[in-house]
């Protein structure tokens, strides 16, 4: 195993395909099961309403 230099971004393998690598500034959000259920419900509602384009910006959760 190599050493990590301070300030160097950590490279991680994609948790979905296990082959790709993450890049700084290009991430996927990992959310709790509760939040995932809420997002799925909103997506299903958009499908029912025949939404064609739905762009959203999510703010970070407040601690």
PDB file of N, CA and C in Angstrom:
ATOM      1  N   UNK A   1       0.827  -1.178   0.000  1.00  0.00           N
ATOM      2  CA  UNK A   1       0.000   0.000   0.000  1.00  0.00           C
ATOM      3  C   UNK A   1       0.872   1.241   0.000  1.00  0.00           C
ATOM      4  N   UNK A   2       0.506   2.233  -0.785  1.00  0.00           N
ATOM      5  CA  UNK A   2       1.265   3.471  -0.822  1.00  0.00           C
ATOM      6  C   UNK A   2       0.828   4.423   0.268  1.00  0.00           C
ATOM      7  N   UNK A   3       1.592   5.479   0.425  1.00  0.00           N
ATOM      8  CA  UNK A   3       1.234   6.487   1.419  1.00  0.00           C
ATOM      9  C   UNK A   3       0.451   7.593   0.745  1.00  0.00           C
ATOM     10  N   UNK A   4      -0.328   8.296   1.522  1.00  0.00           N
ATOM     11  CA  UNK A   4      -1.122   9.392   0.990  1.00  0.00           C
ATOM     12  C   UNK A   4      -0.460  10.710   1.348  1.00  0.00           C
ATOM     13  N   UNK A   5      -0.330  11.583   0.372  1.00  0.00           N
ATOM     14  CA  UNK A   5       0.255  12.897   0.585  1.00  0.00           C
ATOM     15  C   UNK A   5      -0.861  13.841   1.010  1.00  0.00           C
ATOM     16  N   UNK A   6      -0.634  14.644   2.063  1.00  0.00           N
ATOM     17  CA  UNK A   6      -1.639  15.604   2.509  1.00  0.00           C
ATOM     18  C   UNK A   6      -2.018  16.520   1.368  1.00  0.00           C
ATOM     19  N   UNK A   7      -3.330  16.773   1.225  1.00  0.00           N
ATOM     20  CA  UNK A   7      -3.827  17.635   0.165  1.00  0.00           C
ATOM     21  C   UNK A   7      -4.144  16.877  -1.112  1.00  0.00           C
ATOM     22  N   UNK A   8      -3.711  15.649  -1.213  1.00  0.00           N
ATOM     23  CA  UNK A   8      -3.979  14.832  -2.390  1.00  0.00           C
ATOM     24  C   UNK A   8      -5.372  14.231  -2.256  1.00  0.00           C
ATOM     25  N   UNK A   9      -6.156  14.275  -3.315  1.00  0.00           N
ATOM     26  CA  UNK A   9      -7.504  13.715  -3.277  1.00  0.00           C
ATOM     27  C   UNK A   9      -7.433  12.192  -3.292  1.00  0.00           C
ATOM     28  N   UNK A  10      -8.259  11.567  -2.457  1.00  0.00           N
ATOM     29  CA  UNK A  10      -8.324  10.110  -2.413  1.00  0.00           C
ATOM     30  C   UNK A  10      -9.113   9.612  -3.620  1.00  0.00           C
ATOM     31  N   UNK A  11      -8.624   8.574  -4.261  1.00  0.00           N
ATOM     32  CA  UNK A  11      -9.327   7.958  -5.378  1.00  0.00           C
ATOM     33  C   UNK A  11     -10.063   6.747  -4.831  1.00  0.00           C
ATOM     34  N   UNK A  12     -11.349   6.674  -5.136  1.00  0.00           N
ATOM     35  CA  UNK A  12     -12.160   5.560  -4.673  1.00  0.00           C
ATOM     36  C   UNK A  12     -12.747   4.835  -5.869  1.00  0.00           C
ATOM     37  N   UNK A  13     -12.977   3.547  -5.723  1.00  0.00           N
ATOM     38  CA  UNK A  13     -13.657   2.773  -6.754  1.00  0.00           C
ATOM     39  C   UNK A  13     -15.150   3.049  -6.688  1.00  0.00           C
ATOM     40  N   UNK A  14     -15.805   3.019  -7.824  1.00  0.00           N
ATOM     41  CA  UNK A  14     -17.251   3.191  -7.900  1.00  0.00           C
ATOM     42  C   UNK A  14     -17.924   2.061  -7.131  1.00  0.00           C
ATOM     43  N   UNK A  15     -18.863   2.411  -6.243  1.00  0.00           N
ATOM     44  CA  UNK A  15     -19.533   1.383  -5.449  1.00  0.00           C
ATOM     45  C   UNK A  15     -20.573   0.623  -6.261  1.00  0.00           C
ATOM     46  N   UNK A  16     -20.913   1.110  -7.443  1.00  0.00           N
ATOM     47  CA  UNK A  16     -21.906   0.432  -8.276  1.00  0.00           C
ATOM     48  C   UNK A  16     -21.241  -0.556  -9.227  1.00  0.00           C
ATOM     49  N   UNK A  17     -20.312  -0.084 -10.052  1.00  0.00           N
ATOM     50  CA  UNK A  17     -19.702  -0.965 -11.057  1.00  0.00           C
ATOM     51  C   UNK A  17     -18.416  -1.621 -10.565  1.00  0.00           C
ATOM     52  N   UNK A  18     -17.835  -1.108  -9.489  1.00  0.00           N
ATOM     53  CA  UNK A  18     -16.606  -1.632  -8.879  1.00  0.00           C
ATOM     54  C   UNK A  18     -15.378  -1.508  -9.776  1.00  0.00           C
ATOM     55  N   UNK A  19     -15.493  -0.797 -10.906  1.00  0.00           N
ATOM     56  CA  UNK A  19     -14.351  -0.665 -11.806  1.00  0.00           C
ATOM     57  C   UNK A  19     -13.955   0.787 -12.038  1.00  0.00           C
ATOM     58  N   UNK A  20     -14.934   1.672 -12.141  1.00  0.00           N
ATOM     59  CA  UNK A  20     -14.646   3.084 -12.364  1.00  0.00           C
ATOM     60  C   UNK A  20     -14.036   3.715 -11.124  1.00  0.00           C
ATOM     61  N   UNK A  21     -13.454   4.886 -11.286  1.00  0.00           N
ATOM     62  CA  UNK A  21     -12.861   5.604 -10.163  1.00  0.00           C
ATOM     63  C   UNK A  21     -13.541   6.954 -10.009  1.00  0.00           C
ATOM     64  N   UNK A  22     -13.654   7.406  -8.769  1.00  0.00           N
ATOM     65  CA  UNK A  22     -14.238   8.711  -8.507  1.00  0.00           C
ATOM     66  C   UNK A  22     -13.236   9.800  -8.863  1.00  0.00           C
ATOM     67  N   UNK A  23     -13.762  11.000  -9.112  1.00  0.00           N
ATOM     68  CA  UNK A  23     -12.917  12.148  -9.418  1.00  0.00           C
ATOM     69  C   UNK A  23     -13.367  13.315  -8.553  1.00  0.00           C
ATOM     70  N   UNK A  24     -12.456  14.160  -8.103  1.00  0.00           N
ATOM     71  CA  UNK A  24     -12.842  15.331  -7.318  1.00  0.00           C
ATOM     72  C   UNK A  24     -13.863  16.175  -8.079  1.00  0.00           C
ATOM     73  N   UNK A  25     -14.932  16.575  -7.394  1.00  0.00           N
ATOM     74  CA  UNK A  25     -15.949  17.408  -8.014  1.00  0.00           C
ATOM     75  C   UNK A  25     -16.992  16.655  -8.819  1.00  0.00           C
ATOM     76  N   UNK A  26     -16.852  15.342  -8.945  1.00  0.00           N
ATOM     77  CA  UNK A  26     -17.811  14.516  -9.682  1.00  0.00           C
ATOM     78  C   UNK A  26     -18.245  13.397  -8.743  1.00  0.00           C
ATOM     79  N   UNK A  27     -19.347  13.616  -8.046  1.00  0.00           N
ATOM     80  CA  UNK A  27     -19.733  12.650  -7.022  1.00  0.00           C
ATOM     81  C   UNK A  27     -21.183  12.235  -7.143  1.00  0.00           C
ATOM     82  N   UNK A  28     -21.501  11.151  -6.508  1.00  0.00           N
ATOM     83  CA  UNK A  28     -22.868  10.693  -6.335  1.00  0.00           C
ATOM     84  C   UNK A  28     -23.224  10.903  -4.880  1.00  0.00           C
ATOM     85  N   UNK A  29     -24.454  11.228  -4.622  1.00  0.00           N
ATOM     86  CA  UNK A  29     -24.895  11.412  -3.240  1.00  0.00           C
ATOM     87  C   UNK A  29     -25.341  10.075  -2.665  1.00  0.00           C
ATOM     88  N   UNK A  30     -24.911   9.795  -1.474  1.00  0.00           N
ATOM     89  CA  UNK A  30     -25.355   8.614  -0.753  1.00  0.00           C
ATOM     90  C   UNK A  30     -26.273   9.107   0.348  1.00  0.00           C
ATOM     91  N   UNK A  31     -27.518   8.634   0.344  1.00  0.00           N
ATOM     92  CA  UNK A  31     -28.519   9.129   1.284  1.00  0.00           C
ATOM     93  C   UNK A  31     -29.067   7.983   2.123  1.00  0.00           C
ATOM     94  N   UNK A  32     -29.720   8.351   3.212  1.00  0.00           N
ATOM     95  CA  UNK A  32     -30.316   7.350   4.094  1.00  0.00           C
ATOM     96  C   UNK A  32     -31.491   6.670   3.392  1.00  0.00           C
ATOM     97  N   UNK A  33     -31.929   5.563   3.960  1.00  0.00           N
ATOM     98  CA  UNK A  33     -33.066   4.833   3.402  1.00  0.00           C
ATOM     99  C   UNK A  33     -34.320   5.708   3.402  1.00  0.00           C
ATOM    100  N   UNK A  34     -34.489   6.494   4.455  1.00  0.00           N
ATOM    101  CA  UNK A  34     -35.647   7.391   4.555  1.00  0.00           C
ATOM    102  C   UNK A  34     -35.637   8.425   3.429  1.00  0.00           C
ATOM    103  N   UNK A  35     -34.501   9.034   3.196  1.00  0.00           N
ATOM    104  CA  UNK A  35     -34.385  10.040   2.133  1.00  0.00           C
ATOM    105  C   UNK A  35     -34.558   9.384   0.770  1.00  0.00           C
ATOM    106  N   UNK A  36     -33.999   8.195   0.578  1.00  0.00           N
ATOM    107  CA  UNK A  36     -34.149   7.485  -0.693  1.00  0.00           C
ATOM    108  C   UNK A  36     -35.621   7.200  -0.977  1.00  0.00           C
ATOM    109  N   UNK A  37     -36.378   6.805   0.051  1.00  0.00           N
ATOM    110  CA  UNK A  37     -37.809   6.540  -0.120  1.00  0.00           C
ATOM    111  C   UNK A  37     -38.547   7.810  -0.519  1.00  0.00           C
ATOM    112  N   UNK A  38     -38.186   8.934   0.091  1.00  0.00           N
ATOM    113  CA  UNK A  38     -38.819  10.213  -0.244  1.00  0.00           C
ATOM    114  C   UNK A  38     -38.503  10.609  -1.688  1.00  0.00           C
ATOM    115  N   UNK A  39     -37.250  10.449  -2.098  1.00  0.00           N
ATOM    116  CA  UNK A  39     -36.869  10.787  -3.470  1.00  0.00           C
ATOM    117  C   UNK A  39     -37.589   9.897  -4.476  1.00  0.00           C
ATOM    118  N   UNK A  40     -37.722   8.604  -4.147  1.00  0.00           N
ATOM    119  CA  UNK A  40     -38.433   7.683  -5.028  1.00  0.00           C
ATOM    120  C   UNK A  40     -39.897   8.086  -5.158  1.00  0.00           C
ATOM    121  N   UNK A  41     -40.532   8.461  -4.048  1.00  0.00           N
ATOM    122  CA  UNK A  41     -41.929   8.901  -4.088  1.00  0.00           C
ATOM    123  C   UNK A  41     -42.081  10.141  -4.965  1.00  0.00           C
ATOM    124  N   UNK A  42     -41.147  11.077  -4.845  1.00  0.00           N
ATOM    125  CA  UNK A  42     -41.195  12.283  -5.676  1.00  0.00           C
ATOM    126  C   UNK A  42     -40.995  11.942  -7.153  1.00  0.00           C
ATOM    127  N   UNK A  43     -40.111  11.003  -7.438  1.00  0.00           N
ATOM    128  CA  UNK A  43     -39.882  10.592  -8.826  1.00  0.00           C
ATOM    129  C   UNK A  43     -41.127   9.918  -9.399  1.00  0.00           C
ATOM    130  N   UNK A  44     -41.773   9.064  -8.600  1.00  0.00           N
ATOM    131  CA  UNK A  44     -42.990   8.395  -9.054  1.00  0.00           C
ATOM    132  C   UNK A  44     -44.106   9.407  -9.306  1.00  0.00           C
ATOM    133  N   UNK A  45     -44.193  10.432  -8.464  1.00  0.00           N
ATOM    134  CA  UNK A  45     -45.183  11.491  -8.658  1.00  0.00           C
ATOM    135  C   UNK A  45     -44.903  12.241  -9.962  1.00  0.00           C
ATOM    136  N   UNK A  46     -43.644  12.511 -10.242  1.00  0.00           N
ATOM    137  CA  UNK A  46     -43.275  13.202 -11.483  1.00  0.00           C
ATOM    138  C   UNK A  46     -43.668  12.367 -12.697  1.00  0.00           C
ATOM    139  N   UNK A  47     -43.488  11.051 -12.612  1.00  0.00           N
ATOM    140  CA  UNK A  47     -43.880  10.170 -13.721  1.00  0.00           C
ATOM    141  C   UNK A  47     -45.395  10.221 -13.907  1.00  0.00           C
ATOM    142  N   UNK A  48     -46.142  10.126 -12.799  1.00  0.00           N
ATOM    143  CA  UNK A  48     -47.614  10.192 -12.879  1.00  0.00           C
ATOM    144  C   UNK A  48     -48.078  11.513 -13.493  1.00  0.00           C
ATOM    145  N   UNK A  49     -47.372  12.605 -13.154  1.00  0.00           N
ATOM    146  CA  UNK A  49     -47.728  13.928 -13.666  1.00  0.00           C
ATOM    147  C   UNK A  49     -47.157  14.194 -15.055  1.00  0.00           C
ATOM    148  N   UNK A  50     -46.490  13.195 -15.611  1.00  0.00           N
ATOM    149  CA  UNK A  50     -45.892  13.289 -16.950  1.00  0.00           C
ATOM    150  C   UNK A  50     -44.883  14.425 -17.064  1.00  0.00           C
ATOM    151  N   UNK A  51     -44.104  14.624 -16.009  1.00  0.00           N
ATOM    152  CA  UNK A  51     -43.050  15.634 -16.028  1.00  0.00           C
ATOM    153  C   UNK A  51     -41.997  15.194 -17.041  1.00  0.00           C
ATOM    154  N   UNK A  52     -41.635  16.083 -17.955  1.00  0.00           N
ATOM    155  CA  UNK A  52     -40.648  15.739 -18.968  1.00  0.00           C
ATOM    156  C   UNK A  52     -39.242  16.131 -18.541  1.00  0.00           C
ATOM    157  N   UNK A  53     -39.093  17.274 -17.897  1.00  0.00           N
ATOM    158  CA  UNK A  53     -37.790  17.721 -17.419  1.00  0.00           C
ATOM    159  C   UNK A  53     -37.982  18.253 -16.009  1.00  0.00           C
ATOM    160  N   UNK A  54     -37.159  17.786 -15.093  1.00  0.00           N
ATOM    161  CA  UNK A  54     -37.284  18.215 -13.706  1.00  0.00           C
ATOM    162  C   UNK A  54     -35.879  18.345 -13.132  1.00  0.00           C
ATOM    163  N   UNK A  55     -35.356  19.563 -13.108  1.00  0.00           N
ATOM    164  CA  UNK A  55     -34.005  19.806 -12.611  1.00  0.00           C
ATOM    165  C   UNK A  55     -34.108  20.355 -11.199  1.00  0.00           C
ATOM    166  N   UNK A  56     -33.376  19.732 -10.262  1.00  0.00           N
ATOM    167  CA  UNK A  56     -33.420  20.177  -8.871  1.00  0.00           C
ATOM    168  C   UNK A  56     -32.011  20.317  -8.328  1.00  0.00           C
ATOM    169  N   UNK A  57     -31.843  21.271  -7.441  1.00  0.00           N
ATOM    170  CA  UNK A  57     -30.592  21.415  -6.709  1.00  0.00           C
ATOM    171  C   UNK A  57     -30.903  21.129  -5.254  1.00  0.00           C
ATOM    172  N   UNK A  58     -30.135  20.228  -4.660  1.00  0.00           N
ATOM    173  CA  UNK A  58     -30.360  19.849  -3.280  1.00  0.00           C
ATOM    174  C   UNK A  58     -29.342  20.537  -2.387  1.00  0.00           C
ATOM    175  N   UNK A  59     -29.824  21.124  -1.312  1.00  0.00           N
ATOM    176  CA  UNK A  59     -28.947  21.765  -0.337  1.00  0.00           C
ATOM    177  C   UNK A  59     -28.469  20.714   0.654  1.00  0.00           C
ATOM    178  N   UNK A  60     -27.263  20.862   1.185  1.00  0.00           N
ATOM    179  CA  UNK A  60     -26.780  19.914   2.187  1.00  0.00           C
ATOM    180  C   UNK A  60     -27.670  19.956   3.426  1.00  0.00           C
ATOM    181  N   UNK A  61     -27.796  18.813   4.083  1.00  0.00           N
ATOM    182  CA  UNK A  61     -28.599  18.735   5.304  1.00  0.00           C
ATOM    183  C   UNK A  61     -27.939  19.552   6.405  1.00  0.00           C
ATOM    184  N   UNK A  62     -28.747  20.176   7.207  1.00  0.00           N
ATOM    185  CA  UNK A  62     -28.234  20.945   8.341  1.00  0.00           C
ATOM    186  C   UNK A  62     -28.003  19.993   9.506  1.00  0.00           C
ATOM    187  N   UNK A  63     -26.869  20.116  10.158  1.00  0.00           N
ATOM    188  CA  UNK A  63     -26.538  19.219  11.271  1.00  0.00           C
ATOM    189  C   UNK A  63     -27.276  19.586  12.527  1.00  0.00           C
TER     190      UNK A  63
END
